[in-house]
Amino acid sequence: METITGLHRNHFGQIISFVTSEGRVISYQKALMDAENGLISGVQTDVDLEGNMYLKPENTQNFDDFPNLF
């Protein structure tokens, strides 16, 4: 099963896409869908106070420890 190995951030520091263990670069929205469908391990989906779905890693608080790949 694929995992998240890195990410891309915009100039505001927001995550815009992820890099997977298979070398795919997928949008945040695609990563949400893949995580919901059980295609990516090590992350889970959650809903914020405003009702927006987001991704969070299972073993850490946030994605700050993931490398920002270009």
N, C-alpha and C. Protein backbone atom coordinates (compact mmCIF):
# COMPACT_ATOMS: atom_id res chain seq x y z
N MET A 1 0.84 -1.18 0.00
CA MET A 1 0.00 0.00 0.00
C MET A 1 0.89 1.25 0.00
N GLU A 2 0.46 2.26 -0.68
CA GLU A 2 1.23 3.50 -0.77
C GLU A 2 1.21 4.27 0.55
N THR A 3 2.26 5.06 0.74
CA THR A 3 2.35 5.96 1.88
C THR A 3 2.76 7.34 1.38
N ILE A 4 2.59 8.34 2.22
CA ILE A 4 3.03 9.68 1.90
C ILE A 4 4.50 9.80 2.29
N THR A 5 5.35 10.24 1.36
CA THR A 5 6.78 10.36 1.64
C THR A 5 7.26 11.80 1.61
N GLY A 6 6.49 12.69 1.03
CA GLY A 6 6.88 14.09 0.95
C GLY A 6 5.68 14.92 0.54
N LEU A 7 5.89 16.21 0.43
CA LEU A 7 4.80 17.10 0.08
C LEU A 7 5.31 18.34 -0.63
N HIS A 8 4.40 19.07 -1.20
CA HIS A 8 4.70 20.36 -1.84
C HIS A 8 3.85 21.41 -1.14
N ARG A 9 4.47 22.51 -0.79
CA ARG A 9 3.76 23.63 -0.16
C ARG A 9 3.79 24.84 -1.09
N ASN A 10 2.75 25.66 -1.01
CA ASN A 10 2.76 26.91 -1.77
C ASN A 10 3.53 27.97 -0.98
N HIS A 11 3.61 29.18 -1.50
CA HIS A 11 4.40 30.22 -0.83
C HIS A 11 3.76 30.70 0.48
N PHE A 12 2.52 30.28 0.76
CA PHE A 12 1.88 30.59 2.04
C PHE A 12 2.14 29.49 3.08
N GLY A 13 2.80 28.41 2.66
CA GLY A 13 3.08 27.29 3.55
C GLY A 13 1.99 26.24 3.58
N GLN A 14 0.98 26.39 2.75
CA GLN A 14 -0.12 25.43 2.71
C GLN A 14 0.27 24.24 1.84
N ILE A 15 -0.11 23.05 2.26
CA ILE A 15 0.16 21.84 1.47
C ILE A 15 -0.75 21.86 0.25
N ILE A 16 -0.15 21.70 -0.93
CA ILE A 16 -0.94 21.68 -2.15
C ILE A 16 -0.92 20.31 -2.83
N SER A 17 0.11 19.52 -2.57
CA SER A 17 0.16 18.17 -3.13
C SER A 17 1.10 17.30 -2.30
N PHE A 18 0.99 16.00 -2.54
CA PHE A 18 1.79 15.02 -1.81
C PHE A 18 2.57 14.17 -2.79
N VAL A 19 3.70 13.64 -2.32
CA VAL A 19 4.49 12.67 -3.06
C VAL A 19 4.31 11.34 -2.34
N THR A 20 3.99 10.29 -3.11
CA THR A 20 3.75 8.98 -2.51
C THR A 20 4.97 8.07 -2.66
N SER A 21 4.92 6.96 -1.96
CA SER A 21 6.01 5.98 -2.03
C SER A 21 6.14 5.37 -3.42
N GLU A 22 5.11 5.48 -4.24
CA GLU A 22 5.16 5.00 -5.62
C GLU A 22 5.68 6.06 -6.57
N GLY A 23 6.01 7.25 -6.05
CA GLY A 23 6.53 8.32 -6.88
C GLY A 23 5.47 9.21 -7.50
N ARG A 24 4.20 8.95 -7.17
CA ARG A 24 3.14 9.80 -7.70
C ARG A 24 3.12 11.14 -6.98
N VAL A 25 2.80 12.19 -7.70
CA VAL A 25 2.53 13.50 -7.11
C VAL A 25 1.03 13.70 -7.27
N ILE A 26 0.33 13.76 -6.14
CA ILE A 26 -1.12 13.86 -6.18
C ILE A 26 -1.58 15.10 -5.43
N SER A 27 -2.67 15.67 -5.89
CA SER A 27 -3.22 16.86 -5.25
C SER A 27 -3.72 16.51 -3.85
N TYR A 28 -3.92 17.55 -3.06
CA TYR A 28 -4.45 17.35 -1.71
C TYR A 28 -5.80 16.65 -1.80
N GLN A 29 -6.65 17.09 -2.73
CA GLN A 29 -7.99 16.50 -2.88
C GLN A 29 -7.90 15.03 -3.25
N LYS A 30 -6.99 14.67 -4.16
CA LYS A 30 -6.81 13.28 -4.56
C LYS A 30 -6.30 12.45 -3.39
N ALA A 31 -5.41 13.00 -2.58
CA ALA A 31 -4.91 12.30 -1.40
C ALA A 31 -6.04 12.05 -0.41
N LEU A 32 -6.93 13.02 -0.24
CA LEU A 32 -8.10 12.83 0.62
C LEU A 32 -8.94 11.66 0.13
N MET A 33 -9.22 11.63 -1.16
CA MET A 33 -10.04 10.56 -1.73
C MET A 33 -9.34 9.20 -1.59
N ASP A 34 -8.05 9.16 -1.89
CA ASP A 34 -7.31 7.90 -1.79
C ASP A 34 -7.26 7.41 -0.34
N ALA A 35 -7.08 8.32 0.61
CA ALA A 35 -7.06 7.93 2.03
C ALA A 35 -8.43 7.40 2.46
N GLU A 36 -9.49 8.05 2.03
CA GLU A 36 -10.83 7.58 2.36
C GLU A 36 -11.11 6.20 1.80
N ASN A 37 -10.56 5.92 0.62
CA ASN A 37 -10.77 4.64 -0.05
C ASN A 37 -9.77 3.57 0.38
N GLY A 38 -8.90 3.89 1.35
CA GLY A 38 -7.95 2.91 1.87
C GLY A 38 -6.78 2.63 0.95
N LEU A 39 -6.48 3.54 0.04
CA LEU A 39 -5.38 3.34 -0.90
C LEU A 39 -4.05 3.88 -0.40
N ILE A 40 -4.09 4.72 0.62
CA ILE A 40 -2.87 5.30 1.21
C ILE A 40 -2.89 4.99 2.70
N SER A 41 -1.82 4.41 3.18
CA SER A 41 -1.73 4.10 4.61
C SER A 41 -0.91 5.16 5.33
N GLY A 42 -1.06 5.23 6.62
CA GLY A 42 -0.28 6.16 7.44
C GLY A 42 -0.92 7.53 7.59
N VAL A 43 -2.07 7.74 6.97
CA VAL A 43 -2.81 9.00 7.11
C VAL A 43 -4.27 8.67 7.37
N GLN A 44 -4.96 9.63 7.93
CA GLN A 44 -6.39 9.47 8.14
C GLN A 44 -7.08 10.79 7.85
N THR A 45 -8.35 10.71 7.54
CA THR A 45 -9.12 11.92 7.29
C THR A 45 -9.84 12.32 8.56
N ASP A 46 -10.06 13.61 8.70
CA ASP A 46 -10.79 14.15 9.84
C ASP A 46 -11.55 15.37 9.35
N VAL A 47 -12.44 15.90 10.17
CA VAL A 47 -13.24 17.06 9.81
C VAL A 47 -12.95 18.16 10.82
N ASP A 48 -12.65 19.38 10.32
CA ASP A 48 -12.38 20.49 11.22
C ASP A 48 -13.69 21.10 11.73
N LEU A 49 -13.59 22.12 12.56
CA LEU A 49 -14.76 22.74 13.17
C LEU A 49 -15.69 23.40 12.16
N GLU A 50 -15.16 23.73 10.99
CA GLU A 50 -15.97 24.35 9.94
C GLU A 50 -16.58 23.33 8.99
N GLY A 51 -16.34 22.04 9.25
CA GLY A 51 -16.90 20.98 8.42
C GLY A 51 -16.07 20.60 7.22
N ASN A 52 -14.85 21.10 7.14
CA ASN A 52 -13.95 20.78 6.04
C ASN A 52 -13.15 19.53 6.35
N MET A 53 -13.08 18.61 5.40
CA MET A 53 -12.29 17.41 5.59
C MET A 53 -10.82 17.71 5.35
N TYR A 54 -9.95 17.11 6.15
CA TYR A 54 -8.51 17.30 5.99
C TYR A 54 -7.77 16.02 6.30
N LEU A 55 -6.52 15.96 5.90
CA LEU A 55 -5.66 14.81 6.15
C LEU A 55 -4.78 15.07 7.36
N LYS A 56 -4.53 14.01 8.11
CA LYS A 56 -3.54 14.11 9.18
C LYS A 56 -2.78 12.79 9.25
N PRO A 57 -1.49 12.87 9.55
CA PRO A 57 -0.71 11.64 9.66
C PRO A 57 -1.10 10.88 10.92
N GLU A 58 -1.00 9.57 10.86
CA GLU A 58 -1.40 8.75 12.01
C GLU A 58 -0.40 8.80 13.16
N ASN A 59 0.89 8.95 12.85
CA ASN A 59 1.91 8.82 13.89
C ASN A 59 2.44 10.14 14.44
N THR A 60 2.07 11.27 13.84
CA THR A 60 2.52 12.56 14.33
C THR A 60 1.36 13.54 14.31
N GLN A 61 1.56 14.71 14.89
CA GLN A 61 0.51 15.70 14.98
C GLN A 61 0.19 16.36 13.64
N ASN A 62 1.23 16.54 12.80
CA ASN A 62 1.03 17.25 11.53
C ASN A 62 2.09 16.80 10.53
N PHE A 63 2.10 17.44 9.39
CA PHE A 63 3.02 17.07 8.31
C PHE A 63 4.33 17.85 8.34
N ASP A 64 4.62 18.56 9.42
CA ASP A 64 5.82 19.38 9.49
C ASP A 64 7.12 18.58 9.36
N ASP A 65 7.10 17.30 9.75
CA ASP A 65 8.29 16.48 9.67
C ASP A 65 8.51 15.85 8.30
N PHE A 66 7.55 16.00 7.41
CA PHE A 66 7.68 15.45 6.06
C PHE A 66 8.50 16.40 5.20
N PRO A 67 9.36 15.87 4.34
CA PRO A 67 10.18 16.75 3.50
C PRO A 67 9.34 17.48 2.47
N ASN A 68 9.72 18.73 2.22
CA ASN A 68 9.09 19.55 1.18
C ASN A 68 9.86 19.30 -0.10
N LEU A 69 9.31 18.49 -0.99
CA LEU A 69 9.98 18.10 -2.23
C LEU A 69 9.52 18.96 -3.37
N PHE A 70 10.42 19.22 -4.30
CA PHE A 70 10.09 20.06 -5.46
C PHE A 70 10.19 19.25 -6.72
